[in-house]
């Protein structure tokens, strides 16, 4: 499973969080997160860390460790 799908799955099914809410928590633009989720872009480590922290997940989960 690619990183964007993991972000989407956690955001929606586990946290019930909107893109806007995740954007507010991370400081990332809604369109940026949307592109990560769709696989159009891959987040760098710094942005993935922001997302992981907002979703209470570890970076290792996203990298598949």
N, C-alpha and C. Protein backbone atom coordinates (compact mmCIF):
# COMPACT_ATOMS: atom_id res chain seq x y z
N UNK A 1 0.86 -1.18 0.00
CA UNK A 1 0.00 0.00 0.00
C UNK A 1 0.90 1.24 0.00
N UNK A 2 0.59 2.17 -0.86
CA UNK A 2 1.43 3.36 -0.93
C UNK A 2 1.08 4.35 0.18
N UNK A 3 1.99 5.27 0.43
CA UNK A 3 1.88 6.20 1.55
C UNK A 3 0.59 7.00 1.50
N UNK A 4 0.24 7.52 0.33
CA UNK A 4 -0.97 8.33 0.20
C UNK A 4 -2.23 7.59 0.60
N UNK A 5 -2.28 6.31 0.25
CA UNK A 5 -3.45 5.49 0.62
C UNK A 5 -3.52 5.32 2.14
N UNK A 6 -2.36 5.15 2.75
CA UNK A 6 -2.32 5.01 4.21
C UNK A 6 -2.80 6.31 4.88
N UNK A 7 -2.34 7.45 4.35
CA UNK A 7 -2.79 8.73 4.90
C UNK A 7 -4.31 8.83 4.81
N UNK A 8 -4.83 8.53 3.65
CA UNK A 8 -6.28 8.62 3.42
C UNK A 8 -7.04 7.68 4.35
N UNK A 9 -6.60 6.44 4.42
CA UNK A 9 -7.30 5.44 5.23
C UNK A 9 -7.33 5.84 6.70
N UNK A 10 -6.21 6.28 7.23
CA UNK A 10 -6.18 6.69 8.64
C UNK A 10 -7.04 7.93 8.86
N UNK A 11 -6.88 8.90 7.97
CA UNK A 11 -7.62 10.15 8.11
C UNK A 11 -9.12 9.90 8.09
N UNK A 12 -9.59 9.07 7.22
CA UNK A 12 -11.03 8.85 7.06
C UNK A 12 -11.58 7.80 8.03
N UNK A 13 -11.04 6.61 7.99
CA UNK A 13 -11.65 5.53 8.74
C UNK A 13 -11.30 5.51 10.22
N UNK A 14 -10.09 5.87 10.55
CA UNK A 14 -9.69 5.83 11.95
C UNK A 14 -9.99 7.14 12.66
N UNK A 15 -9.70 8.24 12.03
CA UNK A 15 -9.83 9.53 12.69
C UNK A 15 -11.10 10.28 12.30
N UNK A 16 -11.73 9.93 11.16
CA UNK A 16 -12.91 10.65 10.71
C UNK A 16 -12.61 12.12 10.48
N UNK A 17 -11.43 12.41 9.94
CA UNK A 17 -10.94 13.77 9.81
C UNK A 17 -11.08 14.27 8.38
N UNK A 18 -11.46 15.51 8.24
CA UNK A 18 -11.55 16.12 6.90
C UNK A 18 -10.15 16.54 6.43
N UNK A 19 -10.04 16.75 5.12
CA UNK A 19 -8.79 17.29 4.58
C UNK A 19 -8.48 18.64 5.20
N UNK A 20 -9.50 19.46 5.38
CA UNK A 20 -9.33 20.79 5.96
C UNK A 20 -8.76 20.69 7.38
N UNK A 21 -9.28 19.78 8.16
CA UNK A 21 -8.79 19.61 9.53
C UNK A 21 -7.33 19.17 9.54
N UNK A 22 -6.99 18.21 8.69
CA UNK A 22 -5.60 17.76 8.61
C UNK A 22 -4.70 18.90 8.12
N UNK A 23 -5.20 19.68 7.20
CA UNK A 23 -4.47 20.86 6.72
C UNK A 23 -4.21 21.83 7.86
N UNK A 24 -5.22 22.10 8.65
CA UNK A 24 -5.08 23.02 9.79
C UNK A 24 -4.07 22.50 10.81
N UNK A 25 -4.07 21.20 11.05
CA UNK A 25 -3.17 20.61 12.03
C UNK A 25 -1.71 20.56 11.56
N UNK A 26 -1.52 20.45 10.26
CA UNK A 26 -0.17 20.29 9.73
C UNK A 26 0.43 21.56 9.14
N UNK A 27 -0.43 22.50 8.76
CA UNK A 27 0.05 23.69 8.08
C UNK A 27 0.29 23.47 6.60
N UNK A 28 -0.11 22.31 6.10
CA UNK A 28 0.02 21.98 4.68
C UNK A 28 -1.27 22.35 3.96
N UNK A 29 -1.16 22.73 2.71
CA UNK A 29 -2.35 23.08 1.93
C UNK A 29 -3.22 21.86 1.68
N UNK A 30 -4.52 22.07 1.63
CA UNK A 30 -5.47 20.99 1.35
C UNK A 30 -5.11 20.30 0.04
N UNK A 31 -4.80 21.07 -0.99
CA UNK A 31 -4.46 20.49 -2.29
C UNK A 31 -3.21 19.63 -2.22
N UNK A 32 -2.27 20.02 -1.38
CA UNK A 32 -1.04 19.23 -1.22
C UNK A 32 -1.36 17.87 -0.61
N UNK A 33 -2.15 17.88 0.45
CA UNK A 33 -2.52 16.61 1.09
C UNK A 33 -3.34 15.75 0.13
N UNK A 34 -4.23 16.38 -0.60
CA UNK A 34 -5.04 15.67 -1.58
C UNK A 34 -4.15 14.98 -2.63
N UNK A 35 -3.13 15.67 -3.09
CA UNK A 35 -2.21 15.08 -4.07
C UNK A 35 -1.40 13.94 -3.46
N UNK A 36 -1.05 14.06 -2.19
CA UNK A 36 -0.37 12.95 -1.51
C UNK A 36 -1.30 11.73 -1.48
N UNK A 37 -2.55 11.96 -1.09
CA UNK A 37 -3.50 10.85 -0.97
C UNK A 37 -3.79 10.18 -2.31
N UNK A 38 -3.81 10.95 -3.37
CA UNK A 38 -4.12 10.38 -4.69
C UNK A 38 -2.90 9.74 -5.35
N UNK A 39 -1.73 9.96 -4.78
CA UNK A 39 -0.51 9.41 -5.35
C UNK A 39 0.13 10.29 -6.40
N UNK A 40 -0.42 11.48 -6.62
CA UNK A 40 0.18 12.41 -7.59
C UNK A 40 1.51 12.93 -7.10
N UNK A 41 1.66 13.05 -5.81
CA UNK A 41 2.90 13.52 -5.19
C UNK A 41 3.21 12.62 -4.00
N UNK A 42 4.48 12.58 -3.61
CA UNK A 42 4.89 11.82 -2.44
C UNK A 42 5.45 12.81 -1.42
N UNK A 43 4.98 12.74 -0.19
CA UNK A 43 5.47 13.70 0.81
C UNK A 43 6.93 13.43 1.17
N UNK A 44 7.66 14.51 1.36
CA UNK A 44 9.02 14.37 1.89
C UNK A 44 8.94 14.02 3.36
N UNK A 45 10.06 13.68 3.92
CA UNK A 45 10.10 13.24 5.33
C UNK A 45 9.52 14.30 6.28
N UNK A 46 9.86 15.55 6.07
CA UNK A 46 9.38 16.61 6.96
C UNK A 46 7.85 16.73 6.93
N UNK A 47 7.27 16.74 5.75
CA UNK A 47 5.81 16.84 5.64
C UNK A 47 5.13 15.56 6.12
N UNK A 48 5.74 14.43 5.85
CA UNK A 48 5.16 13.17 6.33
C UNK A 48 5.17 13.14 7.85
N UNK A 49 6.22 13.69 8.46
CA UNK A 49 6.29 13.76 9.93
C UNK A 49 5.16 14.62 10.47
N UNK A 50 4.86 15.74 9.82
CA UNK A 50 3.75 16.59 10.25
C UNK A 50 2.43 15.83 10.18
N UNK A 51 2.24 15.09 9.09
CA UNK A 51 1.01 14.32 8.92
C UNK A 51 0.94 13.20 9.96
N UNK A 52 2.04 12.49 10.13
CA UNK A 52 2.08 11.40 11.11
C UNK A 52 1.75 11.91 12.51
N UNK A 53 2.32 13.03 12.88
CA UNK A 53 2.05 13.60 14.20
C UNK A 53 0.57 13.98 14.34
N UNK A 54 0.01 14.59 13.31
CA UNK A 54 -1.40 15.00 13.36
C UNK A 54 -2.34 13.80 13.45
N UNK A 55 -1.92 12.67 12.87
CA UNK A 55 -2.75 11.46 12.88
C UNK A 55 -2.37 10.49 14.00
N UNK A 56 -1.43 10.90 14.84
CA UNK A 56 -0.94 10.04 15.93
C UNK A 56 -0.43 8.69 15.43
N UNK A 57 0.35 8.74 14.38
CA UNK A 57 0.97 7.54 13.82
C UNK A 57 2.47 7.75 13.78
N UNK A 58 3.20 6.67 13.64
CA UNK A 58 4.66 6.76 13.53
C UNK A 58 5.05 6.87 12.06
N UNK A 59 6.21 7.44 11.82
CA UNK A 59 6.74 7.47 10.46
C UNK A 59 6.95 6.06 9.95
N UNK A 60 7.33 5.15 10.82
CA UNK A 60 7.58 3.77 10.44
C UNK A 60 6.34 3.13 9.83
N UNK A 61 5.17 3.47 10.34
CA UNK A 61 3.94 2.91 9.79
C UNK A 61 3.80 3.29 8.31
N UNK A 62 4.09 4.54 7.99
CA UNK A 62 3.95 4.99 6.61
C UNK A 62 5.00 4.39 5.69
N UNK A 63 6.18 4.15 6.23
CA UNK A 63 7.25 3.56 5.44
C UNK A 63 7.17 2.03 5.40
N UNK A 64 6.25 1.47 6.14
CA UNK A 64 6.04 0.02 6.09
C UNK A 64 6.91 -0.80 7.02
N UNK A 65 7.48 -0.17 8.04
CA UNK A 65 8.31 -0.92 9.00
C UNK A 65 7.46 -1.50 10.10
